[in-house]
Amino acid sequence: MKKRKRLQQNTESSTRINSEIITQNRYTLLLNRQGNEDSPQTSTHSDTPNIPRPPPIFVYGVKNSKAMLDDLKDVAKPDTYRTAALANDTVKISANTIDTYRCLVKHMNEENIVHHTYQIKTERAYRIVIRHLQHSVPLDDIKKSYKKKVIRSEI
């Protein structure tokens, strides 16, 4: 068998081509987060607290969605919520703000519209479990002891 000869590349032209290519390091953002002083600091997150979105409202038995939307326009601006049609004549309403959510729920309760929603996360009750505690201990004693513990930890 006869071996093929390789073509000799001109090294000068290959370096010239490679020097014209501009590359970017996709890990520079990670270096900025670690506090690299050579590159400018860019922050992708803000210092504002994360406000949770209100839960969706499910309205049941909607035969005429246009009439429902016209009714909701009187309660809240159309750009402050989104609607989606679901199966079995159900409409899902997603409010953008908590104020819009409260207005919509209040309106539905006043008009006796059949709906379902969840509690807002910030308004949920705080529950704790205390292990290894006798069931006969009065609740008032537990509260007093807890308040003392909280006051000591704040000092």
C-alpha atoms as a PDB file:
ATOM      1  CA  MET A   1       0.000   0.000   0.000  1.00  0.00           C
ATOM      2  CA  LYS A   2       1.001   3.427  -0.777  1.00  0.00           C
ATOM      3  CA  LYS A   3       0.925   6.045   1.974  1.00  0.00           C
ATOM      4  CA  ARG A   4      -0.666   9.365   1.341  1.00  0.00           C
ATOM      5  CA  LYS A   5       1.381  12.449   1.791  1.00  0.00           C
ATOM      6  CA  ARG A   6       0.063  15.081   4.136  1.00  0.00           C
ATOM      7  CA  LEU A   7      -0.224  18.589   2.945  1.00  0.00           C
ATOM      8  CA  GLN A   8       2.111  20.925   4.725  1.00  0.00           C
ATOM      9  CA  GLN A   9       0.219  23.845   6.229  1.00  0.00           C
ATOM     10  CA  ASN A  10       1.744  27.205   6.345  1.00  0.00           C
ATOM     11  CA  THR A  11       2.144  27.926  10.059  1.00  0.00           C
ATOM     12  CA  GLU A  12       2.246  31.668   9.476  1.00  0.00           C
ATOM     13  CA  SER A  13      -1.242  31.772   7.915  1.00  0.00           C
ATOM     14  CA  SER A  14      -2.783  29.539  10.602  1.00  0.00           C
ATOM     15  CA  THR A  15      -1.519  31.803  13.399  1.00  0.00           C
ATOM     16  CA  ARG A  16      -2.798  34.863  11.633  1.00  0.00           C
ATOM     17  CA  ILE A  17      -6.280  33.351  11.359  1.00  0.00           C
ATOM     18  CA  ASN A  18      -6.333  32.301  15.022  1.00  0.00           C
ATOM     19  CA  SER A  19      -5.231  35.727  16.242  1.00  0.00           C
ATOM     20  CA  GLU A  20      -8.253  37.373  14.578  1.00  0.00           C
ATOM     21  CA  ILE A  21     -10.762  35.223  16.479  1.00  0.00           C
ATOM     22  CA  ILE A  22     -12.131  36.909  19.591  1.00  0.00           C
ATOM     23  CA  THR A  23     -13.046  34.578  22.414  1.00  0.00           C
ATOM     24  CA  GLN A  24     -14.963  35.177  25.613  1.00  0.00           C
ATOM     25  CA  ASN A  25     -14.659  33.389  28.908  1.00  0.00           C
ATOM     26  CA  ARG A  26     -18.110  32.184  29.910  1.00  0.00           C
ATOM     27  CA  TYR A  27     -16.982  31.781  33.526  1.00  0.00           C
ATOM     28  CA  THR A  28     -16.189  35.479  34.100  1.00  0.00           C
ATOM     29  CA  LEU A  29     -19.472  35.930  35.961  1.00  0.00           C
ATOM     30  CA  LEU A  30     -18.328  33.331  38.480  1.00  0.00           C
ATOM     31  CA  LEU A  31     -15.057  35.180  38.980  1.00  0.00           C
ATOM     32  CA  ASN A  32     -16.956  38.435  39.582  1.00  0.00           C
ATOM     33  CA  ARG A  33     -19.063  36.802  42.293  1.00  0.00           C
ATOM     34  CA  GLN A  34     -15.946  35.549  44.079  1.00  0.00           C
ATOM     35  CA  GLY A  35     -14.612  39.098  44.300  1.00  0.00           C
ATOM     36  CA  ASN A  36     -12.023  39.202  41.524  1.00  0.00           C
ATOM     37  CA  GLU A  37     -10.673  42.769  41.599  1.00  0.00           C
ATOM     38  CA  ASP A  38      -9.366  42.729  38.026  1.00  0.00           C
ATOM     39  CA  SER A  39     -12.821  42.838  36.486  1.00  0.00           C
ATOM     40  CA  PRO A  40     -15.685  45.208  37.295  1.00  0.00           C
ATOM     41  CA  GLN A  41     -18.315  43.994  39.721  1.00  0.00           C
ATOM     42  CA  THR A  42     -21.688  43.314  38.159  1.00  0.00           C
ATOM     43  CA  SER A  43     -24.564  42.204  40.305  1.00  0.00           C
ATOM     44  CA  THR A  44     -27.447  40.268  38.788  1.00  0.00           C
ATOM     45  CA  HIS A  45     -29.650  40.380  41.868  1.00  0.00           C
ATOM     46  CA  SER A  46     -31.100  43.343  43.704  1.00  0.00           C
ATOM     47  CA  ASP A  47     -31.257  44.042  47.408  1.00  0.00           C
ATOM     48  CA  THR A  48     -35.061  44.173  47.433  1.00  0.00           C
ATOM     49  CA  PRO A  49     -36.826  41.364  49.303  1.00  0.00           C
ATOM     50  CA  ASN A  50     -38.485  38.652  47.266  1.00  0.00           C
ATOM     51  CA  ILE A  51     -42.266  39.173  47.437  1.00  0.00           C
ATOM     52  CA  PRO A  52     -44.109  35.899  46.862  1.00  0.00           C
ATOM     53  CA  ARG A  53     -46.777  35.832  44.179  1.00  0.00           C
ATOM     54  CA  PRO A  54     -50.347  35.377  45.350  1.00  0.00           C
ATOM     55  CA  PRO A  55     -51.891  31.932  44.859  1.00  0.00           C
ATOM     56  CA  PRO A  56     -54.204  31.276  41.887  1.00  0.00           C
ATOM     57  CA  ILE A  57     -57.978  31.520  42.129  1.00  0.00           C
ATOM     58  CA  PHE A  58     -60.011  28.728  40.543  1.00  0.00           C
ATOM     59  CA  VAL A  59     -63.553  29.707  39.505  1.00  0.00           C
ATOM     60  CA  TYR A  60     -65.941  26.805  38.858  1.00  0.00           C
ATOM     61  CA  GLY A  61     -69.003  26.549  36.604  1.00  0.00           C
ATOM     62  CA  VAL A  62     -68.112  29.339  34.178  1.00  0.00           C
ATOM     63  CA  LYS A  63     -70.457  28.975  31.196  1.00  0.00           C
ATOM     64  CA  ASN A  64     -69.812  32.423  29.695  1.00  0.00           C
ATOM     65  CA  SER A  65     -66.195  33.492  30.156  1.00  0.00           C
ATOM     66  CA  LYS A  66     -66.710  36.823  28.360  1.00  0.00           C
ATOM     67  CA  ALA A  67     -69.356  37.871  30.901  1.00  0.00           C
ATOM     68  CA  MET A  68     -67.031  36.843  33.724  1.00  0.00           C
ATOM     69  CA  LEU A  69     -64.151  38.872  32.274  1.00  0.00           C
ATOM     70  CA  ASP A  70     -66.424  41.907  31.865  1.00  0.00           C
ATOM     71  CA  ASP A  71     -67.438  41.529  35.500  1.00  0.00           C
ATOM     72  CA  LEU A  72     -63.796  41.315  36.604  1.00  0.00           C
ATOM     73  CA  LYS A  73     -62.902  44.494  34.658  1.00  0.00           C
ATOM     74  CA  ASP A  74     -65.045  46.469  37.103  1.00  0.00           C
ATOM     75  CA  VAL A  75     -63.113  45.022  40.048  1.00  0.00           C
ATOM     76  CA  ALA A  76     -59.503  45.151  38.808  1.00  0.00           C
ATOM     77  CA  LYS A  77     -57.603  46.400  35.776  1.00  0.00           C
ATOM     78  CA  PRO A  78     -57.230  43.719  33.078  1.00  0.00           C
ATOM     79  CA  ASP A  79     -53.415  44.016  33.051  1.00  0.00           C
ATOM     80  CA  THR A  80     -53.153  43.162  36.770  1.00  0.00           C
ATOM     81  CA  TYR A  81     -54.248  39.532  36.366  1.00  0.00           C
ATOM     82  CA  ARG A  82     -54.205  36.656  33.850  1.00  0.00           C
ATOM     83  CA  THR A  83     -56.867  34.081  33.122  1.00  0.00           C
ATOM     84  CA  ALA A  84     -56.642  30.579  31.717  1.00  0.00           C
ATOM     85  CA  ALA A  85     -59.473  28.250  30.736  1.00  0.00           C
ATOM     86  CA  LEU A  86     -59.270  24.780  32.246  1.00  0.00           C
ATOM     87  CA  ALA A  87     -61.364  21.641  31.837  1.00  0.00           C
ATOM     88  CA  ASN A  88     -64.916  21.253  33.204  1.00  0.00           C
ATOM     89  CA  ASP A  89     -65.896  24.961  32.902  1.00  0.00           C
ATOM     90  CA  THR A  90     -63.141  26.074  35.279  1.00  0.00           C
ATOM     91  CA  VAL A  91     -61.162  29.297  34.935  1.00  0.00           C
ATOM     92  CA  LYS A  92     -57.828  29.917  36.647  1.00  0.00           C
ATOM     93  CA  ILE A  93     -57.124  33.533  37.610  1.00  0.00           C
ATOM     94  CA  SER A  94     -53.540  34.492  38.490  1.00  0.00           C
ATOM     95  CA  ALA A  95     -53.206  37.925  40.095  1.00  0.00           C
ATOM     96  CA  ASN A  96     -49.950  39.862  39.716  1.00  0.00           C
ATOM     97  CA  THR A  97     -50.141  41.597  43.087  1.00  0.00           C
ATOM     98  CA  ILE A  98     -51.539  40.739  46.495  1.00  0.00           C
ATOM     99  CA  ASP A  99     -53.851  43.780  46.374  1.00  0.00           C
ATOM    100  CA  THR A 100     -55.439  42.555  43.142  1.00  0.00           C
ATOM    101  CA  TYR A 101     -55.773  39.082  44.644  1.00  0.00           C
ATOM    102  CA  ARG A 102     -57.586  40.452  47.693  1.00  0.00           C
ATOM    103  CA  CYS A 103     -59.943  42.571  45.542  1.00  0.00           C
ATOM    104  CA  LEU A 104     -60.832  39.573  43.357  1.00  0.00           C
ATOM    105  CA  VAL A 105     -61.440  37.239  46.318  1.00  0.00           C
ATOM    106  CA  LYS A 106     -63.516  39.864  48.121  1.00  0.00           C
ATOM    107  CA  HIS A 107     -65.658  40.405  45.009  1.00  0.00           C
ATOM    108  CA  MET A 108     -66.202  36.670  44.553  1.00  0.00           C
ATOM    109  CA  ASN A 109     -67.205  36.242  48.185  1.00  0.00           C
ATOM    110  CA  GLU A 110     -69.663  39.160  47.964  1.00  0.00           C
ATOM    111  CA  GLU A 111     -71.217  37.851  44.742  1.00  0.00           C
ATOM    112  CA  ASN A 112     -71.336  34.231  46.009  1.00  0.00           C
ATOM    113  CA  ILE A 113     -69.262  33.004  43.067  1.00  0.00           C
ATOM    114  CA  VAL A 114     -68.080  29.408  43.533  1.00  0.00           C
ATOM    115  CA  HIS A 115     -64.302  29.540  43.707  1.00  0.00           C
ATOM    116  CA  HIS A 116     -61.315  28.013  45.436  1.00  0.00           C
ATOM    117  CA  THR A 117     -57.970  29.491  46.405  1.00  0.00           C
ATOM    118  CA  TYR A 118     -55.137  29.001  48.868  1.00  0.00           C
ATOM    119  CA  GLN A 119     -53.898  31.155  51.710  1.00  0.00           C
ATOM    120  CA  ILE A 120     -51.198  33.737  51.041  1.00  0.00           C
ATOM    121  CA  LYS A 121     -47.830  32.431  52.270  1.00  0.00           C
ATOM    122  CA  THR A 122     -47.106  35.492  54.396  1.00  0.00           C
ATOM    123  CA  GLU A 123     -50.454  35.146  56.179  1.00  0.00           C
ATOM    124  CA  ARG A 124     -50.160  31.466  57.062  1.00  0.00           C
ATOM    125  CA  ALA A 125     -50.030  30.493  60.709  1.00  0.00           C
ATOM    126  CA  TYR A 126     -46.683  29.551  62.162  1.00  0.00           C
ATOM    127  CA  ARG A 127     -46.696  26.048  63.593  1.00  0.00           C
ATOM    128  CA  ILE A 128     -44.121  24.396  65.775  1.00  0.00           C
ATOM    129  CA  VAL A 129     -43.661  20.935  67.230  1.00  0.00           C
ATOM    130  CA  ILE A 130     -42.208  20.487  70.691  1.00  0.00           C
ATOM    131  CA  ARG A 131     -40.877  17.001  71.275  1.00  0.00           C
ATOM    132  CA  HIS A 132     -40.545  15.163  74.557  1.00  0.00           C
ATOM    133  CA  LEU A 133     -43.190  17.287  76.297  1.00  0.00           C
ATOM    134  CA  GLN A 134     -45.886  15.845  78.492  1.00  0.00           C
ATOM    135  CA  HIS A 135     -49.435  16.389  77.260  1.00  0.00           C
ATOM    136  CA  SER A 136     -50.483  17.476  80.750  1.00  0.00           C
ATOM    137  CA  VAL A 137     -48.363  20.678  80.701  1.00  0.00           C
ATOM    138  CA  PRO A 138     -50.697  23.701  80.535  1.00  0.00           C
ATOM    139  CA  LEU A 139     -50.542  25.824  77.396  1.00  0.00           C
ATOM    140  CA  ASP A 140     -49.995  29.013  79.404  1.00  0.00           C
ATOM    141  CA  ASP A 141     -46.826  27.611  80.941  1.00  0.00           C
ATOM    142  CA  ILE A 142     -45.484  26.741  77.502  1.00  0.00           C
ATOM    143  CA  LYS A 143     -46.207  30.283  76.255  1.00  0.00           C
ATOM    144  CA  LYS A 144     -44.495  31.907  79.270  1.00  0.00           C
ATOM    145  CA  SER A 145     -41.442  29.731  78.896  1.00  0.00           C
ATOM    146  CA  TYR A 146     -41.263  30.445  75.162  1.00  0.00           C
ATOM    147  CA  LYS A 147     -41.513  34.223  75.717  1.00  0.00           C
ATOM    148  CA  LYS A 148     -38.689  34.072  78.285  1.00  0.00           C
ATOM    149  CA  LYS A 149     -36.549  32.145  75.820  1.00  0.00           C
ATOM    150  CA  VAL A 150     -37.215  34.655  73.029  1.00  0.00           C
ATOM    151  CA  ILE A 151     -36.423  37.627  75.260  1.00  0.00           C
ATOM    152  CA  ARG A 152     -33.115  36.037  76.345  1.00  0.00           C
ATOM    153  CA  SER A 153     -32.084  35.319  72.760  1.00  0.00           C
ATOM    154  CA  GLU A 154     -32.759  38.943  71.709  1.00  0.00           C
ATOM    155  CA  ILE A 155     -30.489  40.339  74.413  1.00  0.00           C
END
